[in-house]
Amino acid sequence: METEGTGKSIPPEERFNPGEEFTRKGGQILEFDGNGRPARWICPLDEEGNKIDPAGIEKEKIIHYSIGEGKYGGCIRTPEIEEEAKQWGGV
């Protein structure tokens, strides 16, 4: 994506707003897709221990996985990710 008339690209992390709760609780975007949307992230947890995903991503498109020590990651569901998840015992 380009800023109007400047010819300069806007980095993906500046284009996408993952939401106040995701950011405030310590969520991190690890990887963006070709459209500047999150593809992989570290999920913060809310007060009840529920995973918080970046705003605007449909829940049915997300796969969560444990990264150890009570921490979780999330990523967009793709055929490749589903195959990988089967190997870890997910999906």
PDB file of N, CA and C in Angstrom:
ATOM      1  N   MET A   1       0.848  -1.169   0.000  1.00  0.00           N
ATOM      2  CA  MET A   1       0.000   0.000   0.000  1.00  0.00           C
ATOM      3  C   MET A   1       0.895   1.233   0.000  1.00  0.00           C
ATOM      4  N   GLU A   2       0.420   2.281  -0.652  1.00  0.00           N
ATOM      5  CA  GLU A   2       1.225   3.483  -0.794  1.00  0.00           C
ATOM      6  C   GLU A   2       0.478   4.664  -0.192  1.00  0.00           C
ATOM      7  N   THR A   3       1.195   5.582   0.449  1.00  0.00           N
ATOM      8  CA  THR A   3       0.556   6.798   0.917  1.00  0.00           C
ATOM      9  C   THR A   3       0.276   7.654  -0.304  1.00  0.00           C
ATOM     10  N   GLU A   4      -0.817   8.367  -0.293  1.00  0.00           N
ATOM     11  CA  GLU A   4      -1.245   9.117  -1.468  1.00  0.00           C
ATOM     12  C   GLU A   4      -0.177  10.076  -1.967  1.00  0.00           C
ATOM     13  N   GLY A   5       0.243   9.860  -3.214  1.00  0.00           N
ATOM     14  CA  GLY A   5       1.135  10.766  -3.887  1.00  0.00           C
ATOM     15  C   GLY A   5       2.576  10.822  -3.395  1.00  0.00           C
ATOM     16  N   THR A   6       2.943  10.050  -2.382  1.00  0.00           N
ATOM     17  CA  THR A   6       4.304  10.149  -1.863  1.00  0.00           C
ATOM     18  C   THR A   6       5.229   9.113  -2.462  1.00  0.00           C
ATOM     19  N   GLY A   7       4.662   7.999  -2.970  1.00  0.00           N
ATOM     20  CA  GLY A   7       5.490   6.925  -3.497  1.00  0.00           C
ATOM     21  C   GLY A   7       6.119   6.073  -2.410  1.00  0.00           C
ATOM     22  N   LYS A   8       5.810   6.350  -1.131  1.00  0.00           N
ATOM     23  CA  LYS A   8       6.377   5.586  -0.014  1.00  0.00           C
ATOM     24  C   LYS A   8       5.383   4.521   0.441  1.00  0.00           C
ATOM     25  N   SER A   9       5.911   3.356   0.745  1.00  0.00           N
ATOM     26  CA  SER A   9       5.072   2.269   1.246  1.00  0.00           C
ATOM     27  C   SER A   9       4.805   2.437   2.733  1.00  0.00           C
ATOM     28  N   ILE A  10       3.614   2.021   3.133  1.00  0.00           N
ATOM     29  CA  ILE A  10       3.261   2.011   4.552  1.00  0.00           C
ATOM     30  C   ILE A  10       3.523   0.598   5.057  1.00  0.00           C
ATOM     31  N   PRO A  11       4.356   0.428   6.076  1.00  0.00           N
ATOM     32  CA  PRO A  11       4.592  -0.920   6.610  1.00  0.00           C
ATOM     33  C   PRO A  11       3.281  -1.536   7.103  1.00  0.00           C
ATOM     34  N   PRO A  12       3.097  -2.858   6.940  1.00  0.00           N
ATOM     35  CA  PRO A  12       1.852  -3.504   7.356  1.00  0.00           C
ATOM     36  C   PRO A  12       1.472  -3.213   8.799  1.00  0.00           C
ATOM     37  N   GLU A  13       2.457  -3.161   9.699  1.00  0.00           N
ATOM     38  CA  GLU A  13       2.133  -2.944  11.098  1.00  0.00           C
ATOM     39  C   GLU A  13       1.522  -1.569  11.343  1.00  0.00           C
ATOM     40  N   GLU A  14       1.685  -0.650  10.388  1.00  0.00           N
ATOM     41  CA  GLU A  14       1.064   0.658  10.512  1.00  0.00           C
ATOM     42  C   GLU A  14      -0.297   0.705   9.822  1.00  0.00           C
ATOM     43  N   ARG A  15      -0.592  -0.255   8.965  1.00  0.00           N
ATOM     44  CA  ARG A  15      -1.859  -0.281   8.239  1.00  0.00           C
ATOM     45  C   ARG A  15      -2.961  -0.956   9.025  1.00  0.00           C
ATOM     46  N   PHE A  16      -2.638  -1.943   9.805  1.00  0.00           N
ATOM     47  CA  PHE A  16      -3.657  -2.746  10.474  1.00  0.00           C
ATOM     48  C   PHE A  16      -3.713  -2.402  11.956  1.00  0.00           C
ATOM     49  N   ASN A  17      -4.912  -2.144  12.456  1.00  0.00           N
ATOM     50  CA  ASN A  17      -5.106  -1.891  13.881  1.00  0.00           C
ATOM     51  C   ASN A  17      -5.696  -3.156  14.502  1.00  0.00           C
ATOM     52  N   PRO A  18      -4.935  -3.882  15.314  1.00  0.00           N
ATOM     53  CA  PRO A  18      -5.423  -5.139  15.882  1.00  0.00           C
ATOM     54  C   PRO A  18      -6.443  -4.961  16.997  1.00  0.00           C
ATOM     55  N   GLY A  19      -6.711  -3.750  17.386  1.00  0.00           N
ATOM     56  CA  GLY A  19      -7.696  -3.489  18.428  1.00  0.00           C
ATOM     57  C   GLY A  19      -7.038  -3.135  19.748  1.00  0.00           C
ATOM     58  N   GLU A  20      -7.706  -2.291  20.501  1.00  0.00           N
ATOM     59  CA  GLU A  20      -7.153  -1.796  21.760  1.00  0.00           C
ATOM     60  C   GLU A  20      -6.900  -2.907  22.768  1.00  0.00           C
ATOM     61  N   GLU A  21      -7.867  -3.823  22.938  1.00  0.00           N
ATOM     62  CA  GLU A  21      -7.695  -4.884  23.935  1.00  0.00           C
ATOM     63  C   GLU A  21      -6.513  -5.786  23.586  1.00  0.00           C
ATOM     64  N   PHE A  22      -6.400  -6.179  22.327  1.00  0.00           N
ATOM     65  CA  PHE A  22      -5.293  -7.025  21.876  1.00  0.00           C
ATOM     66  C   PHE A  22      -3.956  -6.350  22.190  1.00  0.00           C
ATOM     67  N   THR A  23      -3.841  -5.083  21.856  1.00  0.00           N
ATOM     68  CA  THR A  23      -2.607  -4.331  22.066  1.00  0.00           C
ATOM     69  C   THR A  23      -2.328  -4.102  23.551  1.00  0.00           C
ATOM     70  N   ARG A  24      -3.339  -3.645  24.282  1.00  0.00           N
ATOM     71  CA  ARG A  24      -3.180  -3.314  25.704  1.00  0.00           C
ATOM     72  C   ARG A  24      -2.778  -4.531  26.529  1.00  0.00           C
ATOM     73  N   LYS A  25      -3.297  -5.694  26.170  1.00  0.00           N
ATOM     74  CA  LYS A  25      -3.006  -6.914  26.936  1.00  0.00           C
ATOM     75  C   LYS A  25      -1.715  -7.600  26.489  1.00  0.00           C
ATOM     76  N   GLY A  26      -1.011  -7.035  25.503  1.00  0.00           N
ATOM     77  CA  GLY A  26       0.298  -7.566  25.129  1.00  0.00           C
ATOM     78  C   GLY A  26       0.337  -8.468  23.915  1.00  0.00           C
ATOM     79  N   GLY A  27      -0.713  -8.487  23.104  1.00  0.00           N
ATOM     80  CA  GLY A  27      -0.690  -9.289  21.884  1.00  0.00           C
ATOM     81  C   GLY A  27       0.354  -8.784  20.913  1.00  0.00           C
ATOM     82  N   GLN A  28       0.884  -9.696  20.113  1.00  0.00           N
ATOM     83  CA  GLN A  28       1.913  -9.329  19.136  1.00  0.00           C
ATOM     84  C   GLN A  28       1.599  -9.962  17.790  1.00  0.00           C
ATOM     85  N   ILE A  29       1.670  -9.170  16.733  1.00  0.00           N
ATOM     86  CA  ILE A  29       1.532  -9.693  15.376  1.00  0.00           C
ATOM     87  C   ILE A  29       2.928 -10.156  14.952  1.00  0.00           C
ATOM     88  N   LEU A  30       3.038 -11.421  14.554  1.00  0.00           N
ATOM     89  CA  LEU A  30       4.326 -11.995  14.159  1.00  0.00           C
ATOM     90  C   LEU A  30       4.535 -11.991  12.648  1.00  0.00           C
ATOM     91  N   GLU A  31       3.424 -12.093  11.908  1.00  0.00           N
ATOM     92  CA  GLU A  31       3.532 -12.219  10.452  1.00  0.00           C
ATOM     93  C   GLU A  31       2.274 -11.656   9.809  1.00  0.00           C
ATOM     94  N   PHE A  32       2.452 -10.962   8.689  1.00  0.00           N
ATOM     95  CA  PHE A  32       1.329 -10.423   7.927  1.00  0.00           C
ATOM     96  C   PHE A  32       1.189 -11.179   6.614  1.00  0.00           C
ATOM     97  N   ASP A  33      -0.047 -11.230   6.085  1.00  0.00           N
ATOM     98  CA  ASP A  33      -0.244 -11.828   4.771  1.00  0.00           C
ATOM     99  C   ASP A  33       0.059 -10.776   3.704  1.00  0.00           C
ATOM    100  N   GLY A  34      -0.114 -11.109   2.454  1.00  0.00           N
ATOM    101  CA  GLY A  34       0.183 -10.189   1.358  1.00  0.00           C
ATOM    102  C   GLY A  34      -0.718  -8.973   1.297  1.00  0.00           C
ATOM    103  N   ASN A  35      -1.829  -8.997   2.050  1.00  0.00           N
ATOM    104  CA  ASN A  35      -2.762  -7.874   2.069  1.00  0.00           C
ATOM    105  C   ASN A  35      -2.590  -6.989   3.294  1.00  0.00           C
ATOM    106  N   GLY A  36      -1.548  -7.251   4.079  1.00  0.00           N
ATOM    107  CA  GLY A  36      -1.322  -6.443   5.269  1.00  0.00           C
ATOM    108  C   GLY A  36      -2.179  -6.823   6.459  1.00  0.00           C
ATOM    109  N   ARG A  37      -2.808  -7.988   6.421  1.00  0.00           N
ATOM    110  CA  ARG A  37      -3.634  -8.486   7.532  1.00  0.00           C
ATOM    111  C   ARG A  37      -2.812  -9.493   8.334  1.00  0.00           C
ATOM    112  N   PRO A  38      -3.083  -9.639   9.625  1.00  0.00           N
ATOM    113  CA  PRO A  38      -2.336 -10.607  10.432  1.00  0.00           C
ATOM    114  C   PRO A  38      -2.494 -12.025   9.896  1.00  0.00           C
ATOM    115  N   ALA A  39      -1.390 -12.757   9.835  1.00  0.00           N
ATOM    116  CA  ALA A  39      -1.407 -14.164   9.439  1.00  0.00           C
ATOM    117  C   ALA A  39      -1.034 -15.047  10.626  1.00  0.00           C
ATOM    118  N   ARG A  40      -0.221 -14.519  11.548  1.00  0.00           N
ATOM    119  CA  ARG A  40       0.223 -15.283  12.727  1.00  0.00           C
ATOM    120  C   ARG A  40       0.488 -14.284  13.849  1.00  0.00           C
ATOM    121  N   TRP A  41       0.091 -14.655  15.084  1.00  0.00           N
ATOM    122  CA  TRP A  41       0.230 -13.739  16.207  1.00  0.00           C
ATOM    123  C   TRP A  41       0.333 -14.482  17.533  1.00  0.00           C
ATOM    124  N   ILE A  42       0.743 -13.761  18.575  1.00  0.00           N
ATOM    125  CA  ILE A  42       0.728 -14.269  19.951  1.00  0.00           C
ATOM    126  C   ILE A  42      -0.507 -13.674  20.611  1.00  0.00           C
ATOM    127  N   CYS A  43      -1.337 -14.542  21.182  1.00  0.00           N
ATOM    128  CA  CYS A  43      -2.603 -14.129  21.801  1.00  0.00           C
ATOM    129  C   CYS A  43      -2.398 -13.708  23.249  1.00  0.00           C
ATOM    130  N   PRO A  44      -2.855 -12.511  23.611  1.00  0.00           N
ATOM    131  CA  PRO A  44      -2.935 -12.210  25.033  1.00  0.00           C
ATOM    132  C   PRO A  44      -4.181 -12.904  25.589  1.00  0.00           C
ATOM    133  N   LEU A  45      -4.298 -12.977  26.891  1.00  0.00           N
ATOM    134  CA  LEU A  45      -5.462 -13.593  27.533  1.00  0.00           C
ATOM    135  C   LEU A  45      -6.250 -12.538  28.292  1.00  0.00           C
ATOM    136  N   ASP A  46      -7.578 -12.698  28.308  1.00  0.00           N
ATOM    137  CA  ASP A  46      -8.394 -11.791  29.106  1.00  0.00           C
ATOM    138  C   ASP A  46      -8.438 -12.273  30.552  1.00  0.00           C
ATOM    139  N   GLU A  47      -9.225 -11.614  31.385  1.00  0.00           N
ATOM    140  CA  GLU A  47      -9.289 -11.930  32.812  1.00  0.00           C
ATOM    141  C   GLU A  47      -9.768 -13.361  33.094  1.00  0.00           C
ATOM    142  N   GLU A  48     -10.569 -13.928  32.194  1.00  0.00           N
ATOM    143  CA  GLU A  48     -11.055 -15.308  32.361  1.00  0.00           C
ATOM    144  C   GLU A  48     -10.140 -16.335  31.708  1.00  0.00           C
ATOM    145  N   GLY A  49      -9.050 -15.896  31.115  1.00  0.00           N
ATOM    146  CA  GLY A  49      -8.126 -16.820  30.467  1.00  0.00           C
ATOM    147  C   GLY A  49      -8.468 -17.133  29.023  1.00  0.00           C
ATOM    148  N   ASN A  50      -9.409 -16.386  28.426  1.00  0.00           N
ATOM    149  CA  ASN A  50      -9.768 -16.587  27.025  1.00  0.00           C
ATOM    150  C   ASN A  50      -8.761 -15.895  26.117  1.00  0.00           C
ATOM    151  N   LYS A  51      -8.462 -16.520  24.992  1.00  0.00           N
ATOM    152  CA  LYS A  51      -7.526 -15.956  24.024  1.00  0.00           C
ATOM    153  C   LYS A  51      -8.160 -14.745  23.341  1.00  0.00           C
ATOM    154  N   ILE A  52      -7.361 -13.703  23.142  1.00  0.00           N
ATOM    155  CA  ILE A  52      -7.816 -12.509  22.432  1.00  0.00           C
ATOM    156  C   ILE A  52      -7.092 -12.477  21.091  1.00  0.00           C
ATOM    157  N   ASP A  53      -7.881 -12.421  20.014  1.00  0.00           N
ATOM    158  CA  ASP A  53      -7.327 -12.371  18.664  1.00  0.00           C
ATOM    159  C   ASP A  53      -7.382 -10.943  18.147  1.00  0.00           C
ATOM    160  N   PRO A  54      -6.604 -10.635  17.099  1.00  0.00           N
ATOM    161  CA  PRO A  54      -6.691  -9.306  16.504  1.00  0.00           C
ATOM    162  C   PRO A  54      -8.125  -9.020  16.052  1.00  0.00           C
ATOM    163  N   ALA A  55      -8.534  -7.780  16.193  1.00  0.00           N
ATOM    164  CA  ALA A  55      -9.882  -7.374  15.806  1.00  0.00           C
ATOM    165  C   ALA A  55     -10.120  -7.604  14.317  1.00  0.00           C
ATOM    166  N   GLY A  56     -11.352  -7.942  13.982  1.00  0.00           N
ATOM    167  CA  GLY A  56     -11.743  -8.033  12.586  1.00  0.00           C
ATOM    168  C   GLY A  56     -11.471  -9.348  11.891  1.00  0.00           C
ATOM    169  N   ILE A  57     -10.965 -10.343  12.606  1.00  0.00           N
ATOM    170  CA  ILE A  57     -10.713 -11.651  11.985  1.00  0.00           C
ATOM    171  C   ILE A  57     -11.830 -12.599  12.406  1.00  0.00           C
ATOM    172  N   GLU A  58     -12.460 -13.243  11.435  1.00  0.00           N
ATOM    173  CA  GLU A  58     -13.557 -14.164  11.714  1.00  0.00           C
ATOM    174  C   GLU A  58     -13.040 -15.363  12.500  1.00  0.00           C
ATOM    175  N   LYS A  59     -13.712 -15.692  13.597  1.00  0.00           N
ATOM    176  CA  LYS A  59     -13.275 -16.765  14.501  1.00  0.00           C
ATOM    177  C   LYS A  59     -13.108 -18.103  13.791  1.00  0.00           C
ATOM    178  N   GLU A  60     -13.973 -18.399  12.820  1.00  0.00           N
ATOM    179  CA  GLU A  60     -13.877 -19.695  12.131  1.00  0.00           C
ATOM    180  C   GLU A  60     -12.658 -19.792  11.218  1.00  0.00           C
ATOM    181  N   LYS A  61     -11.969 -18.676  10.985  1.00  0.00           N
ATOM    182  CA  LYS A  61     -10.764 -18.684  10.152  1.00  0.00           C
ATOM    183  C   LYS A  61      -9.490 -18.815  10.978  1.00  0.00           C
ATOM    184  N   ILE A  62      -9.627 -18.982  12.307  1.00  0.00           N
ATOM    185  CA  ILE A  62      -8.469 -18.971  13.207  1.00  0.00           C
ATOM    186  C   ILE A  62      -8.175 -20.363  13.748  1.00  0.00           C
ATOM    187  N   ILE A  63      -6.904 -20.685  13.824  1.00  0.00           N
ATOM    188  CA  ILE A  63      -6.430 -21.877  14.536  1.00  0.00           C
ATOM    189  C   ILE A  63      -5.557 -21.371  15.681  1.00  0.00           C
ATOM    190  N   HIS A  64      -5.797 -21.880  16.885  1.00  0.00           N
ATOM    191  CA  HIS A  64      -4.956 -21.546  18.045  1.00  0.00           C
ATOM    192  C   HIS A  64      -4.045 -22.724  18.350  1.00  0.00           C
ATOM    193  N   TYR A  65      -2.893 -22.427  18.924  1.00  0.00           N
ATOM    194  CA  TYR A  65      -1.957 -23.480  19.298  1.00  0.00           C
ATOM    195  C   TYR A  65      -1.193 -23.033  20.531  1.00  0.00           C
ATOM    196  N   SER A  66      -0.770 -23.999  21.327  1.00  0.00           N
ATOM    197  CA  SER A  66      -0.007 -23.709  22.538  1.00  0.00           C
ATOM    198  C   SER A  66       1.441 -23.442  22.175  1.00  0.00           C
ATOM    199  N   ILE A  67       2.014 -22.418  22.787  1.00  0.00           N
ATOM    200  CA  ILE A  67       3.441 -22.165  22.607  1.00  0.00           C
ATOM    201  C   ILE A  67       4.174 -22.384  23.923  1.00  0.00           C
ATOM    202  N   GLY A  68       3.487 -23.048  24.867  1.00  0.00           N
ATOM    203  CA  GLY A  68       4.101 -23.417  26.141  1.00  0.00           C
ATOM    204  C   GLY A  68       3.897 -22.388  27.232  1.00  0.00           C
ATOM    205  N   GLU A  69       4.058 -22.845  28.464  1.00  0.00           N
ATOM    206  CA  GLU A  69       3.966 -22.003  29.648  1.00  0.00           C
ATOM    207  C   GLU A  69       2.683 -21.172  29.705  1.00  0.00           C
ATOM    208  N   GLY A  70       1.560 -21.763  29.278  1.00  0.00           N
ATOM    209  CA  GLY A  70       0.274 -21.080  29.336  1.00  0.00           C
ATOM    210  C   GLY A  70       0.100 -19.988  28.303  1.00  0.00           C
ATOM    211  N   LYS A  71       0.929 -19.974  27.270  1.00  0.00           N
ATOM    212  CA  LYS A  71       0.834 -18.966  26.211  1.00  0.00           C
ATOM    213  C   LYS A  71       0.325 -19.617  24.933  1.00  0.00           C
ATOM    214  N   TYR A  72      -0.368 -18.801  24.125  1.00  0.00           N
ATOM    215  CA  TYR A  72      -0.979 -19.318  22.903  1.00  0.00           C
ATOM    216  C   TYR A  72      -0.682 -18.426  21.721  1.00  0.00           C
ATOM    217  N   GLY A  73      -0.611 -19.060  20.560  1.00  0.00           N
ATOM    218  CA  GLY A  73      -0.490 -18.354  19.306  1.00  0.00           C
ATOM    219  C   GLY A  73      -1.751 -18.566  18.502  1.00  0.00           C
ATOM    220  N   GLY A  74      -1.923 -17.753  17.505  1.00  0.00           N
ATOM    221  CA  GLY A  74      -3.045 -17.895  16.595  1.00  0.00           C
ATOM    222  C   GLY A  74      -2.553 -17.668  15.181  1.00  0.00           C
ATOM    223  N   CYS A  75      -3.265 -18.255  14.221  1.00  0.00           N
ATOM    224  CA  CYS A  75      -2.930 -18.034  12.822  1.00  0.00           C
ATOM    225  C   CYS A  75      -4.174 -18.234  11.974  1.00  0.00           C
ATOM    226  N   ILE A  76      -4.110 -17.732  10.763  1.00  0.00           N
ATOM    227  CA  ILE A  76      -5.216 -17.881   9.825  1.00  0.00           C
ATOM    228  C   ILE A  76      -5.199 -19.309   9.279  1.00  0.00           C
ATOM    229  N   ARG A  77      -6.372 -19.916   9.264  1.00  0.00           N
ATOM    230  CA  ARG A  77      -6.541 -21.291   8.769  1.00  0.00           C
ATOM    231  C   ARG A  77      -6.310 -21.338   7.263  1.00  0.00           C
ATOM    232  N   THR A  78      -5.371 -22.170   6.853  1.00  0.00           N
ATOM    233  CA  THR A  78      -5.113 -22.454   5.433  1.00  0.00           C
ATOM    234  C   THR A  78      -4.965 -23.971   5.319  1.00  0.00           C
ATOM    235  N   PRO A  79      -5.051 -24.533   4.123  1.00  0.00           N
ATOM    236  CA  PRO A  79      -4.842 -25.985   3.989  1.00  0.00           C
ATOM    237  C   PRO A  79      -3.480 -26.426   4.532  1.00  0.00           C
ATOM    238  N   GLU A  80      -2.447 -25.612   4.314  1.00  0.00           N
ATOM    239  CA  GLU A  80      -1.115 -25.965   4.800  1.00  0.00           C
ATOM    240  C   GLU A  80      -1.074 -25.964   6.327  1.00  0.00           C
ATOM    241  N   ILE A  81      -1.684 -24.958   6.941  1.00  0.00           N
ATOM    242  CA  ILE A  81      -1.720 -24.864   8.404  1.00  0.00           C
ATOM    243  C   ILE A  81      -2.551 -26.010   8.983  1.00  0.00           C
ATOM    244  N   GLU A  82      -3.673 -26.348   8.350  1.00  0.00           N
ATOM    245  CA  GLU A  82      -4.489 -27.470   8.841  1.00  0.00           C
ATOM    246  C   GLU A  82      -3.695 -28.769   8.820  1.00  0.00           C
ATOM    247  N   GLU A  83      -2.922 -28.991   7.757  1.00  0.00           N
ATOM    248  CA  GLU A  83      -2.105 -30.207   7.666  1.00  0.00           C
ATOM    249  C   GLU A  83      -1.043 -30.217   8.768  1.00  0.00           C
ATOM    250  N   GLU A  84      -0.408 -29.073   8.975  1.00  0.00           N
ATOM    251  CA  GLU A  84       0.599 -28.952  10.034  1.00  0.00           C
ATOM    252  C   GLU A  84      -0.038 -29.181  11.419  1.00  0.00           C
ATOM    253  N   ALA A  85      -1.226 -28.619  11.618  1.00  0.00           N
ATOM    254  CA  ALA A  85      -1.923 -28.753  12.904  1.00  0.00           C
ATOM    255  C   ALA A  85      -2.267 -30.212  13.196  1.00  0.00           C
ATOM    256  N   LYS A  86      -2.609 -30.974  12.173  1.00  0.00           N
ATOM    257  CA  LYS A  86      -2.892 -32.400  12.376  1.00  0.00           C
ATOM    258  C   LYS A  86      -1.675 -33.119  12.949  1.00  0.00           C
ATOM    259  N   GLN A  87      -0.492 -32.675  12.546  1.00  0.00           N
ATOM    260  CA  GLN A  87       0.734 -33.289  13.062  1.00  0.00           C
ATOM    261  C   GLN A  87       0.960 -32.965  14.524  1.00  0.00           C
ATOM    262  N   TRP A  88       0.475 -31.796  15.001  1.00  0.00           N
ATOM    263  CA  TRP A  88       0.645 -31.473  16.412  1.00  0.00           C
ATOM    264  C   TRP A  88      -0.514 -31.979  17.238  1.00  0.00           C
ATOM    265  N   GLY A  89      -1.508 -32.604  16.581  1.00  0.00           N
ATOM    266  CA  GLY A  89      -2.647 -33.131  17.331  1.00  0.00           C
ATOM    267  C   GLY A  89      -3.783 -32.138  17.433  1.00  0.00           C
ATOM    268  N   GLY A  90      -3.699 -31.043  16.694  1.00  0.00           N
ATOM    269  CA  GLY A  90      -4.788 -30.066  16.666  1.00  0.00           C
ATOM    270  C   GLY A  90      -5.727 -30.378  15.519  1.00  0.00           C
ATOM    271  N   VAL A  91      -6.713 -29.525  15.312  1.00  0.00           N
ATOM    272  CA  VAL A  91      -7.711 -29.599  14.241  1.00  0.00           C
ATOM    273  C   VAL A  91      -8.324 -30.980  14.096  1.00  0.00           C
TER     274      VAL A  91
END
